Amino acid sequence: MSTQDSAFLRACRREPVPLTPVWFMRQAGRALPEYRAVREGIPMLDSCFQPDLVTEITLQPVRRFGVDAAILFSDIVVPLRAVGVDLDIVAGVGPVIAEPIRTMQDLDRLPALEQVPEVAEAVRLLVAELGSTPLIGFAGAPFTLASYLVEGGPSKDQRRTKALMYGDPALWNALMERLADIALAFLRVQLDAGASAIQLFDSWVGALPAEDYRTFVQPHSARILAGVAESHPDAPKIHFGVGTGELLHDMGAAGADVVGVDFRVPLDEAVRRIGPGKAVQGNLDPTLLFAPTEAVRAMTERILAQAKAAEGHVFNLGHGVLPETDPDALTRVVAHVHEATQAGTSSSASN
């Protein structure tokens, strides 16, 4: 079977599939003991620039869980590090920026991204190893990258980000345009090297109301997704954010082929909000994986039933795998989704 015939890519294209494909956000790392073993003593961002290590970590969940797609082991701030931003990922905190961007002059410290040879090499190695299993590349969307750059690190309320966005639209748009260029270039690096699909993560955009999303964010994300469609028309584009229930239609309208849904909105309601012509991805609550197996199976069945409303469905979590998750719980979810949908009970298996 070729990669293009995989259940994952077929579901993204809203084509008939033999079963509902499964992968998990943050499947590559964190919860796996083999991941912790190979990364011991290596800082997170340093590990993202070592092709052999990236290859091994990306393959680990494919081997263990039997997922239908791999996602490149990386981080959304990798392209920022690649263009010279002084940042680090601090354990228990997240990305920390040494010199936040808050003036037009600060933008001079954010040059264009040209190549990331280490990432390109990792993708080439992975494509050779994965065979017919698709590889998903990804990038952080401009709003989420801007929030880190403006705040100087993670923020619960995005106060500095919103103050800049509302108070200095010219600087905001210049920053977002620069970040859109970087994100598009980073996605093209991965696609040129052989990735089959991409996901654009806008983790923190749920902090905005829909009208402000459409004004200040959507045009920049749309430019990225249009750029991918222009250079790699066969690569499905997934768009995901957290707490984005009120933004689902607009995120799809930005140019996504697949809209990722977090765990707060039932999939059938998400399909209604998104509208026709899109596949959906999601949306098991990652905390539910700590519940008894019977409870996980029941919720998985509920999600598969809700997905009957969708034109295509990729089973995933409603956010990333938590570090303390029992890996066997993920293996059981994959097996159950495959078994249930091979019997023809899910929308993806019957569309």
C-alpha atoms as a PDB file:
ATOM      1  CA  MET A   1       0.000   0.000   0.000  1.00  0.00           C
ATOM      2  CA  SER A   2       1.255   3.469  -0.810  1.00  0.00           C
ATOM      3  CA  THR A   3       1.254   6.319   1.674  1.00  0.00           C
ATOM      4  CA  GLN A   4      -1.458   8.084  -0.322  1.00  0.00           C
ATOM      5  CA  ASP A   5      -3.728   5.056   0.124  1.00  0.00           C
ATOM      6  CA  SER A   6      -3.331   5.106   3.910  1.00  0.00           C
ATOM      7  CA  ALA A   7      -6.457   5.358   6.029  1.00  0.00           C
ATOM      8  CA  PHE A   8      -5.143   8.591   7.573  1.00  0.00           C
ATOM      9  CA  LEU A   9      -4.699  10.484   4.309  1.00  0.00           C
ATOM     10  CA  ARG A  10      -7.931   9.085   2.887  1.00  0.00           C
ATOM     11  CA  ALA A  11      -9.865  10.250   5.956  1.00  0.00           C
ATOM     12  CA  CYS A  12      -8.276  13.702   5.656  1.00  0.00           C
ATOM     13  CA  ARG A  13      -9.454  13.815   2.043  1.00  0.00           C
ATOM     14  CA  ARG A  14     -12.959  12.655   3.115  1.00  0.00           C
ATOM     15  CA  GLU A  15     -12.644   9.449   1.098  1.00  0.00           C
ATOM     16  CA  PRO A  16     -13.864   5.960   2.088  1.00  0.00           C
ATOM     17  CA  VAL A  17     -11.537   4.207   4.524  1.00  0.00           C
ATOM     18  CA  PRO A  18     -11.289   0.628   5.810  1.00  0.00           C
ATOM     19  CA  LEU A  19     -11.191   1.836   9.425  1.00  0.00           C
ATOM     20  CA  THR A  20     -10.978   5.061  11.386  1.00  0.00           C
ATOM     21  CA  PRO A  21      -7.331   6.141  11.560  1.00  0.00           C
ATOM     22  CA  VAL A  22      -5.805   7.085  14.899  1.00  0.00           C
ATOM     23  CA  TRP A  23      -2.871   9.172  16.018  1.00  0.00           C
ATOM     24  CA  PHE A  24      -2.266  11.201  19.180  1.00  0.00           C
ATOM     25  CA  MET A  25      -0.983  14.699  19.654  1.00  0.00           C
ATOM     26  CA  ARG A  26       2.269  14.528  21.661  1.00  0.00           C
ATOM     27  CA  GLN A  27       2.468  10.803  20.999  1.00  0.00           C
ATOM     28  CA  ALA A  28       6.186  11.158  20.276  1.00  0.00           C
ATOM     29  CA  GLY A  29       7.703  11.501  23.734  1.00  0.00           C
ATOM     30  CA  ARG A  30       6.699  12.360  27.280  1.00  0.00           C
ATOM     31  CA  ALA A  31       4.697   9.295  28.317  1.00  0.00           C
ATOM     32  CA  LEU A  32       7.091   6.689  26.908  1.00  0.00           C
ATOM     33  CA  PRO A  33       9.914   5.274  29.040  1.00  0.00           C
ATOM     34  CA  GLU A  34      11.945   4.594  25.910  1.00  0.00           C
ATOM     35  CA  TYR A  35      11.672   8.294  25.074  1.00  0.00           C
ATOM     36  CA  ARG A  36      12.961   9.347  28.470  1.00  0.00           C
ATOM     37  CA  ALA A  37      15.821   6.878  28.107  1.00  0.00           C
ATOM     38  CA  VAL A  38      17.085   8.165  24.753  1.00  0.00           C
ATOM     39  CA  ARG A  39      16.695  11.823  25.739  1.00  0.00           C
ATOM     40  CA  GLU A  40      18.353  11.558  29.125  1.00  0.00           C
ATOM     41  CA  GLY A  41      20.752  14.468  29.609  1.00  0.00           C
ATOM     42  CA  ILE A  42      19.826  16.138  26.304  1.00  0.00           C
ATOM     43  CA  PRO A  43      17.957  19.475  26.489  1.00  0.00           C
ATOM     44  CA  MET A  44      14.606  19.476  24.711  1.00  0.00           C
ATOM     45  CA  LEU A  45      15.464  21.970  21.977  1.00  0.00           C
ATOM     46  CA  ASP A  46      18.864  20.415  21.365  1.00  0.00           C
ATOM     47  CA  SER A  47      17.174  17.060  20.784  1.00  0.00           C
ATOM     48  CA  CYS A  48      14.991  18.599  18.059  1.00  0.00           C
ATOM     49  CA  PHE A  49      18.097  19.388  15.991  1.00  0.00           C
ATOM     50  CA  GLN A  50      19.596  15.860  16.097  1.00  0.00           C
ATOM     51  CA  PRO A  51      18.200  13.941  13.080  1.00  0.00           C
ATOM     52  CA  ASP A  52      18.970  10.441  14.384  1.00  0.00           C
ATOM     53  CA  LEU A  53      17.367  11.200  17.740  1.00  0.00           C
ATOM     54  CA  VAL A  54      14.333  12.861  16.129  1.00  0.00           C
ATOM     55  CA  THR A  55      13.919   9.785  13.940  1.00  0.00           C
ATOM     56  CA  GLU A  56      14.061   7.356  16.843  1.00  0.00           C
ATOM     57  CA  ILE A  57      11.649   9.339  19.024  1.00  0.00           C
ATOM     58  CA  THR A  58       9.164   9.844  16.184  1.00  0.00           C
ATOM     59  CA  LEU A  59       9.137   6.108  15.448  1.00  0.00           C
ATOM     60  CA  GLN A  60       8.664   4.986  19.049  1.00  0.00           C
ATOM     61  CA  PRO A  61       4.863   5.502  19.236  1.00  0.00           C
ATOM     62  CA  VAL A  62       4.369   3.962  15.798  1.00  0.00           C
ATOM     63  CA  ARG A  63       6.061   0.803  17.009  1.00  0.00           C
ATOM     64  CA  ARG A  64       4.352   0.710  20.381  1.00  0.00           C
ATOM     65  CA  PHE A  65       0.794   1.892  19.671  1.00  0.00           C
ATOM     66  CA  GLY A  66       0.203   0.906  16.040  1.00  0.00           C
ATOM     67  CA  VAL A  67      -1.007   4.408  15.170  1.00  0.00           C
ATOM     68  CA  ASP A  68      -1.876   5.249  11.579  1.00  0.00           C
ATOM     69  CA  ALA A  69       0.362   8.312  11.296  1.00  0.00           C
ATOM     70  CA  ALA A  70       3.587   9.578  12.798  1.00  0.00           C
ATOM     71  CA  ILE A  71       4.096  13.195  13.788  1.00  0.00           C
ATOM     72  CA  LEU A  72       7.557  14.680  13.670  1.00  0.00           C
ATOM     73  CA  PHE A  73       9.188  15.007  17.087  1.00  0.00           C
ATOM     74  CA  SER A  74       9.769  18.737  17.349  1.00  0.00           C
ATOM     75  CA  ASP A  75       8.368  21.824  19.072  1.00  0.00           C
ATOM     76  CA  ILE A  76       6.500  24.847  17.822  1.00  0.00           C
ATOM     77  CA  VAL A  77       9.382  27.132  18.864  1.00  0.00           C
ATOM     78  CA  VAL A  78      11.991  25.208  16.834  1.00  0.00           C
ATOM     79  CA  PRO A  79      11.756  27.595  13.855  1.00  0.00           C
ATOM     80  CA  LEU A  80      12.207  30.537  16.228  1.00  0.00           C
ATOM     81  CA  ARG A  81      15.404  28.965  17.557  1.00  0.00           C
ATOM     82  CA  ALA A  82      16.424  28.298  13.938  1.00  0.00           C
ATOM     83  CA  VAL A  83      16.229  32.017  13.075  1.00  0.00           C
ATOM     84  CA  GLY A  84      18.276  32.967  16.127  1.00  0.00           C
ATOM     85  CA  VAL A  85      15.735  33.823  18.830  1.00  0.00           C
ATOM     86  CA  ASP A  86      17.320  33.411  22.255  1.00  0.00           C
ATOM     87  CA  LEU A  87      14.930  31.002  23.950  1.00  0.00           C
ATOM     88  CA  ASP A  88      14.837  27.866  26.008  1.00  0.00           C
ATOM     89  CA  ILE A  89      12.212  25.335  27.060  1.00  0.00           C
ATOM     90  CA  VAL A  90      12.246  25.343  30.847  1.00  0.00           C
ATOM     91  CA  ALA A  91      10.973  22.178  32.515  1.00  0.00           C
ATOM     92  CA  GLY A  92       7.651  22.782  34.203  1.00  0.00           C
ATOM     93  CA  VAL A  93       7.316  26.216  32.595  1.00  0.00           C
ATOM     94  CA  GLY A  94       7.572  26.011  28.806  1.00  0.00           C
ATOM     95  CA  PRO A  95       9.267  28.264  26.244  1.00  0.00           C
ATOM     96  CA  VAL A  96      11.010  31.264  27.813  1.00  0.00           C
ATOM     97  CA  ILE A  97      12.155  34.138  25.583  1.00  0.00           C
ATOM     98  CA  ALA A  98      15.243  36.075  26.721  1.00  0.00           C
ATOM     99  CA  GLU A  99      14.305  39.301  24.899  1.00  0.00           C
ATOM    100  CA  PRO A 100      10.555  39.667  24.208  1.00  0.00           C
ATOM    101  CA  ILE A 101       9.378  41.448  21.072  1.00  0.00           C
ATOM    102  CA  ARG A 102       7.351  44.538  21.965  1.00  0.00           C
ATOM    103  CA  THR A 103       8.472  47.284  19.578  1.00  0.00           C
ATOM    104  CA  MET A 104       8.922  47.632  15.829  1.00  0.00           C
ATOM    105  CA  GLN A 105      12.686  47.736  16.381  1.00  0.00           C
ATOM    106  CA  ASP A 106      12.490  44.365  18.122  1.00  0.00           C
ATOM    107  CA  LEU A 107      11.289  42.818  14.858  1.00  0.00           C
ATOM    108  CA  ASP A 108      14.814  43.179  13.506  1.00  0.00           C
ATOM    109  CA  ARG A 109      15.715  40.221  15.729  1.00  0.00           C
ATOM    110  CA  LEU A 110      13.268  38.029  13.775  1.00  0.00           C
ATOM    111  CA  PRO A 111      14.765  37.318  10.334  1.00  0.00           C
ATOM    112  CA  ALA A 112      13.278  35.134   7.628  1.00  0.00           C
ATOM    113  CA  LEU A 113      13.630  31.352   7.863  1.00  0.00           C
ATOM    114  CA  GLU A 114      15.411  29.793   4.927  1.00  0.00           C
ATOM    115  CA  GLN A 115      16.440  26.227   5.691  1.00  0.00           C
ATOM    116  CA  VAL A 116      16.547  23.946   8.711  1.00  0.00           C
ATOM    117  CA  PRO A 117      18.825  21.185   7.407  1.00  0.00           C
ATOM    118  CA  GLU A 118      18.642  19.102  10.586  1.00  0.00           C
ATOM    119  CA  VAL A 119      14.845  18.942  10.400  1.00  0.00           C
ATOM    120  CA  ALA A 120      14.882  18.195   6.681  1.00  0.00           C
ATOM    121  CA  GLU A 121      17.341  15.336   7.251  1.00  0.00           C
ATOM    122  CA  ALA A 122      15.188  13.925  10.056  1.00  0.00           C
ATOM    123  CA  VAL A 123      12.130  13.939   7.794  1.00  0.00           C
ATOM    124  CA  ARG A 124      14.038  12.171   5.002  1.00  0.00           C
ATOM    125  CA  LEU A 125      15.241   9.504   7.428  1.00  0.00           C
ATOM    126  CA  LEU A 126      11.732   9.030   8.777  1.00  0.00           C
ATOM    127  CA  VAL A 127      10.061   8.742   5.400  1.00  0.00           C
ATOM    128  CA  ALA A 128      12.516   5.993   4.506  1.00  0.00           C
ATOM    129  CA  GLU A 129      11.753   4.134   7.754  1.00  0.00           C
ATOM    130  CA  LEU A 130       7.971   4.628   7.839  1.00  0.00           C
ATOM    131  CA  GLY A 131       7.138   3.086   4.481  1.00  0.00           C
ATOM    132  CA  SER A 132       3.396   3.466   3.898  1.00  0.00           C
ATOM    133  CA  THR A 133       2.760   5.183   7.255  1.00  0.00           C
ATOM    134  CA  PRO A 134       2.329   8.927   6.669  1.00  0.00           C
ATOM    135  CA  LEU A 135       4.434  11.504   8.482  1.00  0.00           C
ATOM    136  CA  ILE A 136       2.767  14.689   9.725  1.00  0.00           C
ATOM    137  CA  GLY A 137       4.832  17.855   9.824  1.00  0.00           C
ATOM    138  CA  PHE A 138       3.752  20.791  11.905  1.00  0.00           C
ATOM    139  CA  ALA A 139       4.282  24.404  12.875  1.00  0.00           C
ATOM    140  CA  GLY A 140       2.961  26.836  15.422  1.00  0.00           C
ATOM    141  CA  ALA A 141       0.462  29.367  14.113  1.00  0.00           C
ATOM    142  CA  PRO A 142       1.327  33.079  14.260  1.00  0.00           C
ATOM    143  CA  PHE A 143      -0.919  33.980  17.207  1.00  0.00           C
ATOM    144  CA  THR A 144       0.534  31.309  19.477  1.00  0.00           C
ATOM    145  CA  LEU A 145       4.128  32.084  18.473  1.00  0.00           C
ATOM    146  CA  ALA A 146       3.426  35.791  18.958  1.00  0.00           C
ATOM    147  CA  SER A 147       2.061  35.140  22.416  1.00  0.00           C
ATOM    148  CA  TYR A 148       5.336  33.539  23.497  1.00  0.00           C
ATOM    149  CA  LEU A 149       7.432  36.257  21.892  1.00  0.00           C
ATOM    150  CA  VAL A 150       5.429  39.134  23.347  1.00  0.00           C
ATOM    151  CA  GLU A 151       4.797  37.683  26.803  1.00  0.00           C
ATOM    152  CA  GLY A 152       8.328  36.324  27.150  1.00  0.00           C
ATOM    153  CA  GLY A 153       6.903  32.898  27.993  1.00  0.00           C
ATOM    154  CA  PRO A 154       3.620  31.103  28.685  1.00  0.00           C
ATOM    155  CA  SER A 155       0.699  33.233  29.855  1.00  0.00           C
ATOM    156  CA  LYS A 156      -2.678  32.303  31.313  1.00  0.00           C
ATOM    157  CA  ASP A 157      -4.424  35.485  30.163  1.00  0.00           C
ATOM    158  CA  GLN A 158      -2.325  36.748  27.201  1.00  0.00           C
ATOM    159  CA  ARG A 159      -2.421  40.246  28.686  1.00  0.00           C
ATOM    160  CA  ARG A 160       0.622  41.697  26.931  1.00  0.00           C
ATOM    161  CA  THR A 161      -0.313  39.955  23.692  1.00  0.00           C
ATOM    162  CA  LYS A 162      -3.821  41.399  23.671  1.00  0.00           C
ATOM    163  CA  ALA A 163      -2.571  44.827  24.723  1.00  0.00           C
ATOM    164  CA  LEU A 164      -0.229  44.909  21.733  1.00  0.00           C
ATOM    165  CA  MET A 165      -2.827  43.470  19.367  1.00  0.00           C
ATOM    166  CA  TYR A 166      -5.492  46.030  20.258  1.00  0.00           C
ATOM    167  CA  GLY A 167      -3.159  48.934  21.002  1.00  0.00           C
ATOM    168  CA  ASP A 168      -0.698  48.801  18.105  1.00  0.00           C
ATOM    169  CA  PRO A 169      -2.310  47.091  15.103  1.00  0.00           C
ATOM    170  CA  ALA A 170       0.548  48.098  12.796  1.00  0.00           C
ATOM    171  CA  LEU A 171       3.159  46.351  14.948  1.00  0.00           C
ATOM    172  CA  TRP A 172       0.818  43.409  15.484  1.00  0.00           C
ATOM    173  CA  ASN A 173       0.290  42.857  11.778  1.00  0.00           C
ATOM    174  CA  ALA A 174       3.992  43.233  11.033  1.00  0.00           C
ATOM    175  CA  LEU A 175       4.801  40.635  13.689  1.00  0.00           C
ATOM    176  CA  MET A 176       2.096  38.274  12.483  1.00  0.00           C
ATOM    177  CA  GLU A 177       3.244  38.609   8.872  1.00  0.00           C
ATOM    178  CA  ARG A 178       6.802  37.785   9.882  1.00  0.00           C
ATOM    179  CA  LEU A 179       5.679  34.775  11.889  1.00  0.00           C
ATOM    180  CA  ALA A 180       3.411  33.570   9.070  1.00  0.00           C
ATOM    181  CA  ASP A 181       6.409  33.654   6.728  1.00  0.00           C
ATOM    182  CA  ILE A 182       8.487  31.645   9.228  1.00  0.00           C
ATOM    183  CA  ALA A 183       5.738  29.075   9.813  1.00  0.00           C
ATOM    184  CA  LEU A 184       5.111  28.600   6.093  1.00  0.00           C
ATOM    185  CA  ALA A 185       8.814  28.196   5.395  1.00  0.00           C
ATOM    186  CA  PHE A 186       9.109  25.635   8.211  1.00  0.00           C
ATOM    187  CA  LEU A 187       6.157  23.622   6.890  1.00  0.00           C
ATOM    188  CA  ARG A 188       7.631  23.662   3.399  1.00  0.00           C
ATOM    189  CA  VAL A 189      10.962  22.367   4.745  1.00  0.00           C
ATOM    190  CA  GLN A 190       9.117  19.353   6.122  1.00  0.00           C
ATOM    191  CA  LEU A 191       6.918  18.817   3.067  1.00  0.00           C
ATOM    192  CA  ASP A 192       9.810  19.198   0.624  1.00  0.00           C
ATOM    193  CA  ALA A 193      11.647  16.490   2.566  1.00  0.00           C
ATOM    194  CA  GLY A 194       8.720  14.082   2.288  1.00  0.00           C
ATOM    195  CA  ALA A 195       6.107  14.772   4.992  1.00  0.00           C
ATOM    196  CA  SER A 196       2.628  13.774   3.799  1.00  0.00           C
ATOM    197  CA  ALA A 197       0.447  16.230   5.744  1.00  0.00           C
ATOM    198  CA  ILE A 198       0.808  19.188   8.088  1.00  0.00           C
ATOM    199  CA  GLN A 199      -0.852  20.429  11.237  1.00  0.00           C
ATOM    200  CA  LEU A 200      -0.941  24.112  12.148  1.00  0.00           C
ATOM    201  CA  PHE A 201      -1.159  24.428  15.945  1.00  0.00           C
ATOM    202  CA  ASP A 202      -2.774  27.578  17.331  1.00  0.00           C
ATOM    203  CA  SER A 203      -2.698  26.453  20.925  1.00  0.00           C
ATOM    204  CA  TRP A 204      -3.667  29.718  22.616  1.00  0.00           C
ATOM    205  CA  VAL A 205      -5.989  31.373  20.079  1.00  0.00           C
ATOM    206  CA  GLY A 206      -9.008  30.236  22.080  1.00  0.00           C
ATOM    207  CA  ALA A 207      -8.314  33.300  24.229  1.00  0.00           C
ATOM    208  CA  LEU A 208      -9.953  35.452  21.542  1.00  0.00           C
ATOM    209  CA  PRO A 209     -13.600  36.054  20.620  1.00  0.00           C
ATOM    210  CA  ALA A 210     -14.580  35.127  17.072  1.00  0.00           C
ATOM    211  CA  GLU A 211     -14.764  38.684  15.726  1.00  0.00           C
ATOM    212  CA  ASP A 212     -11.254  39.488  16.914  1.00  0.00           C
ATOM    213  CA  TYR A 213      -9.972  36.181  15.599  1.00  0.00           C
ATOM    214  CA  ARG A 214     -11.321  37.054  12.162  1.00  0.00           C
ATOM    215  CA  THR A 215      -9.759  40.527  12.278  1.00  0.00           C
ATOM    216  CA  PHE A 216      -6.367  39.950  13.862  1.00  0.00           C
ATOM    217  CA  VAL A 217      -5.513  36.275  13.302  1.00  0.00           C
ATOM    218  CA  GLN A 218      -7.403  34.471  10.565  1.00  0.00           C
ATOM    219  CA  PRO A 219      -5.823  36.347   7.598  1.00  0.00           C
ATOM    220  CA  HIS A 220      -2.340  35.331   8.710  1.00  0.00           C
ATOM    221  CA  SER A 221      -3.188  31.678   9.325  1.00  0.00           C
ATOM    222  CA  ALA A 222      -5.058  31.645   6.010  1.00  0.00           C
ATOM    223  CA  ARG A 223      -1.948  32.879   4.203  1.00  0.00           C
ATOM    224  CA  ILE A 224       0.054  29.966   5.626  1.00  0.00           C
ATOM    225  CA  LEU A 225      -2.535  27.370   4.652  1.00  0.00           C
ATOM    226  CA  ALA A 226      -2.920  28.899   1.181  1.00  0.00           C
ATOM    227  CA  GLY A 227       0.849  28.823   0.755  1.00  0.00           C
ATOM    228  CA  VAL A 228       0.928  25.132   1.620  1.00  0.00           C
ATOM    229  CA  ALA A 229      -1.919  24.454  -0.805  1.00  0.00           C
ATOM    230  CA  GLU A 230      -0.054  26.298  -3.544  1.00  0.00           C
ATOM    231  CA  SER A 231       3.280  24.522  -3.146  1.00  0.00           C
ATOM    232  CA  HIS A 232       2.010  21.109  -1.968  1.00  0.00           C
ATOM    233  CA  PRO A 233      -1.574  20.728  -3.177  1.00  0.00           C
ATOM    234  CA  ASP A 234      -1.788  17.028  -2.265  1.00  0.00           C
ATOM    235  CA  ALA A 235      -0.837  17.516   1.397  1.00  0.00           C
ATOM    236  CA  PRO A 236      -3.845  17.691   3.761  1.00  0.00           C
ATOM    237  CA  LYS A 237      -3.837  20.636   6.142  1.00  0.00           C
ATOM    238  CA  ILE A 238      -5.038  20.167   9.736  1.00  0.00           C
ATOM    239  CA  HIS A 239      -5.747  23.175  11.963  1.00  0.00           C
ATOM    240  CA  PHE A 240      -6.051  22.799  15.732  1.00  0.00           C
ATOM    241  CA  GLY A 241      -6.406  25.006  18.784  1.00  0.00           C
ATOM    242  CA  VAL A 242      -7.397  24.650  22.423  1.00  0.00           C
ATOM    243  CA  GLY A 243     -10.628  26.156  23.698  1.00  0.00           C
ATOM    244  CA  THR A 244     -11.643  27.074  20.170  1.00  0.00           C
ATOM    245  CA  GLY A 245     -15.270  25.923  20.226  1.00  0.00           C
ATOM    246  CA  GLU A 246     -16.482  29.358  19.122  1.00  0.00           C
ATOM    247  CA  LEU A 247     -13.840  29.550  16.390  1.00  0.00           C
ATOM    248  CA  LEU A 248     -14.286  26.191  14.688  1.00  0.00           C
ATOM    249  CA  HIS A 249     -16.062  27.512  11.598  1.00  0.00           C
ATOM    250  CA  ASP A 250     -13.552  30.325  11.128  1.00  0.00           C
ATOM    251  CA  MET A 251     -10.566  28.011  11.603  1.00  0.00           C
ATOM    252  CA  GLY A 252     -11.954  25.760   8.898  1.00  0.00           C
ATOM    253  CA  ALA A 253     -12.625  28.770   6.698  1.00  0.00           C
ATOM    254  CA  ALA A 254      -8.964  29.767   7.058  1.00  0.00           C
ATOM    255  CA  GLY A 255      -8.175  26.938   4.654  1.00  0.00           C
ATOM    256  CA  ALA A 256      -7.978  23.751   6.682  1.00  0.00           C
ATOM    257  CA  ASP A 257      -8.947  20.412   5.175  1.00  0.00           C
ATOM    258  CA  VAL A 258      -9.303  18.935   8.662  1.00  0.00           C
ATOM    259  CA  VAL A 259     -10.363  20.859  11.753  1.00  0.00           C
ATOM    260  CA  GLY A 260      -9.030  19.566  15.053  1.00  0.00           C
ATOM    261  CA  VAL A 261     -11.578  19.649  17.858  1.00  0.00           C
ATOM    262  CA  ASP A 262     -10.619  19.785  21.517  1.00  0.00           C
ATOM    263  CA  PHE A 263     -12.494  17.750  24.120  1.00  0.00           C
ATOM    264  CA  ARG A 264     -14.910  20.531  25.125  1.00  0.00           C
ATOM    265  CA  VAL A 265     -17.200  20.287  22.095  1.00  0.00           C
ATOM    266  CA  PRO A 266     -18.960  17.054  21.053  1.00  0.00           C
ATOM    267  CA  LEU A 267     -17.872  15.976  17.581  1.00  0.00           C
ATOM    268  CA  ASP A 268     -21.361  16.061  16.087  1.00  0.00           C
ATOM    269  CA  GLU A 269     -21.823  19.639  17.341  1.00  0.00           C
ATOM    270  CA  ALA A 270     -18.378  20.523  16.027  1.00  0.00           C
ATOM    271  CA  VAL A 271     -19.360  19.208  12.586  1.00  0.00           C
ATOM    272  CA  ARG A 272     -22.420  21.461  12.647  1.00  0.00           C
ATOM    273  CA  ARG A 273     -20.342  24.504  13.602  1.00  0.00           C
ATOM    274  CA  ILE A 274     -17.581  23.844  11.076  1.00  0.00           C
ATOM    275  CA  GLY A 275     -19.941  23.290   8.151  1.00  0.00           C
ATOM    276  CA  PRO A 276     -19.649  21.024   5.106  1.00  0.00           C
ATOM    277  CA  GLY A 277     -16.563  20.155   3.126  1.00  0.00           C
ATOM    278  CA  LYS A 278     -14.228  19.461   6.047  1.00  0.00           C
ATOM    279  CA  ALA A 279     -13.032  16.397   7.914  1.00  0.00           C
ATOM    280  CA  VAL A 280     -12.699  16.520  11.692  1.00  0.00           C
ATOM    281  CA  GLN A 281     -10.049  15.287  14.086  1.00  0.00           C
ATOM    282  CA  GLY A 282     -10.526  14.394  17.743  1.00  0.00           C
ATOM    283  CA  ASN A 283     -11.463  14.371  20.468  1.00  0.00           C
ATOM    284  CA  LEU A 284     -10.970  12.118  23.503  1.00  0.00           C
ATOM    285  CA  ASP A 285     -10.169  14.045  26.676  1.00  0.00           C
ATOM    286  CA  PRO A 286      -6.531  13.114  27.462  1.00  0.00           C
ATOM    287  CA  THR A 287      -7.294  13.030  31.189  1.00  0.00           C
ATOM    288  CA  LEU A 288      -9.818  10.257  30.575  1.00  0.00           C
ATOM    289  CA  LEU A 289      -6.915   7.918  29.850  1.00  0.00           C
ATOM    290  CA  PHE A 290      -6.385   7.800  33.610  1.00  0.00           C
ATOM    291  CA  ALA A 291      -9.884   6.351  34.115  1.00  0.00           C
ATOM    292  CA  PRO A 292     -10.707   2.626  34.132  1.00  0.00           C
ATOM    293  CA  THR A 293     -10.534   0.859  30.775  1.00  0.00           C
ATOM    294  CA  GLU A 294     -14.319   0.461  30.638  1.00  0.00           C
ATOM    295  CA  ALA A 295     -14.819   4.225  30.942  1.00  0.00           C
ATOM    296  CA  VAL A 296     -12.288   4.904  28.190  1.00  0.00           C
ATOM    297  CA  ARG A 297     -13.994   2.396  25.904  1.00  0.00           C
ATOM    298  CA  ALA A 298     -17.398   3.941  26.576  1.00  0.00           C
ATOM    299  CA  MET A 299     -16.184   7.438  25.724  1.00  0.00           C
ATOM    300  CA  THR A 300     -14.375   6.150  22.641  1.00  0.00           C
ATOM    301  CA  GLU A 301     -17.632   4.574  21.474  1.00  0.00           C
ATOM    302  CA  ARG A 302     -19.472   7.835  22.102  1.00  0.00           C
ATOM    303  CA  ILE A 303     -16.981   9.786  20.019  1.00  0.00           C
ATOM    304  CA  LEU A 304     -17.182   7.261  17.185  1.00  0.00           C
ATOM    305  CA  ALA A 305     -20.978   7.541  17.259  1.00  0.00           C
ATOM    306  CA  GLN A 306     -20.797  11.335  17.148  1.00  0.00           C
ATOM    307  CA  ALA A 307     -18.351  11.095  14.234  1.00  0.00           C
ATOM    308  CA  LYS A 308     -21.066   9.577  12.068  1.00  0.00           C
ATOM    309  CA  ALA A 309     -22.041  13.184  11.347  1.00  0.00           C
ATOM    310  CA  ALA A 310     -18.617  13.889   9.822  1.00  0.00           C
ATOM    311  CA  GLU A 311     -17.547  13.575   6.183  1.00  0.00           C
ATOM    312  CA  GLY A 312     -14.221  12.202   7.414  1.00  0.00           C
ATOM    313  CA  HIS A 313     -12.860  11.469  10.874  1.00  0.00           C
ATOM    314  CA  VAL A 314      -9.369  11.044  12.293  1.00  0.00           C
ATOM    315  CA  PHE A 315      -9.506   9.804  15.882  1.00  0.00           C
ATOM    316  CA  ASN A 316      -7.249  11.746  18.223  1.00  0.00           C
ATOM    317  CA  LEU A 317      -7.181  13.274  21.659  1.00  0.00           C
ATOM    318  CA  GLY A 318      -8.709  16.658  22.364  1.00  0.00           C
ATOM    319  CA  HIS A 319      -5.233  17.876  23.367  1.00  0.00           C
ATOM    320  CA  GLY A 320      -1.833  16.257  23.865  1.00  0.00           C
ATOM    321  CA  VAL A 321      -0.842  13.093  25.709  1.00  0.00           C
ATOM    322  CA  LEU A 322      -0.106  13.902  29.356  1.00  0.00           C
ATOM    323  CA  PRO A 323       3.323  12.837  30.673  1.00  0.00           C
ATOM    324  CA  GLU A 324       1.965  10.483  33.341  1.00  0.00           C
ATOM    325  CA  THR A 325      -0.285   8.566  30.919  1.00  0.00           C
ATOM    326  CA  ASP A 326       0.003   4.775  30.933  1.00  0.00           C
ATOM    327  CA  PRO A 327       1.222   3.902  27.421  1.00  0.00           C
ATOM    328  CA  ASP A 328      -0.872   0.739  27.484  1.00  0.00           C
ATOM    329  CA  ALA A 329      -4.003   2.883  27.699  1.00  0.00           C
ATOM    330  CA  LEU A 330      -3.098   4.456  24.355  1.00  0.00           C
ATOM    331  CA  THR A 331      -2.423   1.051  22.812  1.00  0.00           C
ATOM    332  CA  ARG A 332      -5.867  -0.106  23.942  1.00  0.00           C
ATOM    333  CA  VAL A 333      -7.566   2.953  22.424  1.00  0.00           C
ATOM    334  CA  VAL A 334      -5.924   2.359  19.040  1.00  0.00           C
ATOM    335  CA  ALA A 335      -6.905  -1.309  19.073  1.00  0.00           C
ATOM    336  CA  HIS A 336     -10.479  -0.537  20.074  1.00  0.00           C
ATOM    337  CA  VAL A 337     -10.997   2.170  17.441  1.00  0.00           C
ATOM    338  CA  HIS A 338      -9.621  -0.132  14.761  1.00  0.00           C
ATOM    339  CA  GLU A 339     -11.726  -3.080  15.858  1.00  0.00           C
ATOM    340  CA  ALA A 340     -14.914  -1.066  16.218  1.00  0.00           C
ATOM    341  CA  THR A 341     -14.633   0.732  12.902  1.00  0.00           C
ATOM    342  CA  GLN A 342     -13.507  -2.255  10.871  1.00  0.00           C
ATOM    343  CA  ALA A 343     -16.936  -3.618  11.786  1.00  0.00           C
ATOM    344  CA  GLY A 344     -18.456  -0.608  10.047  1.00  0.00           C
ATOM    345  CA  THR A 345     -19.691   1.275  13.099  1.00  0.00           C
ATOM    346  CA  SER A 346     -17.968   4.619  12.477  1.00  0.00           C
ATOM    347  CA  SER A 347     -18.625   7.364   9.944  1.00  0.00           C
ATOM    348  CA  SER A 348     -15.092   7.233   8.538  1.00  0.00           C
ATOM    349  CA  ALA A 349     -15.397   3.533   7.825  1.00  0.00           C
ATOM    350  CA  SER A 350     -18.630   3.984   5.928  1.00  0.00           C
ATOM    351  CA  ASN A 351     -18.186   7.298   4.082  1.00  0.00           C
END
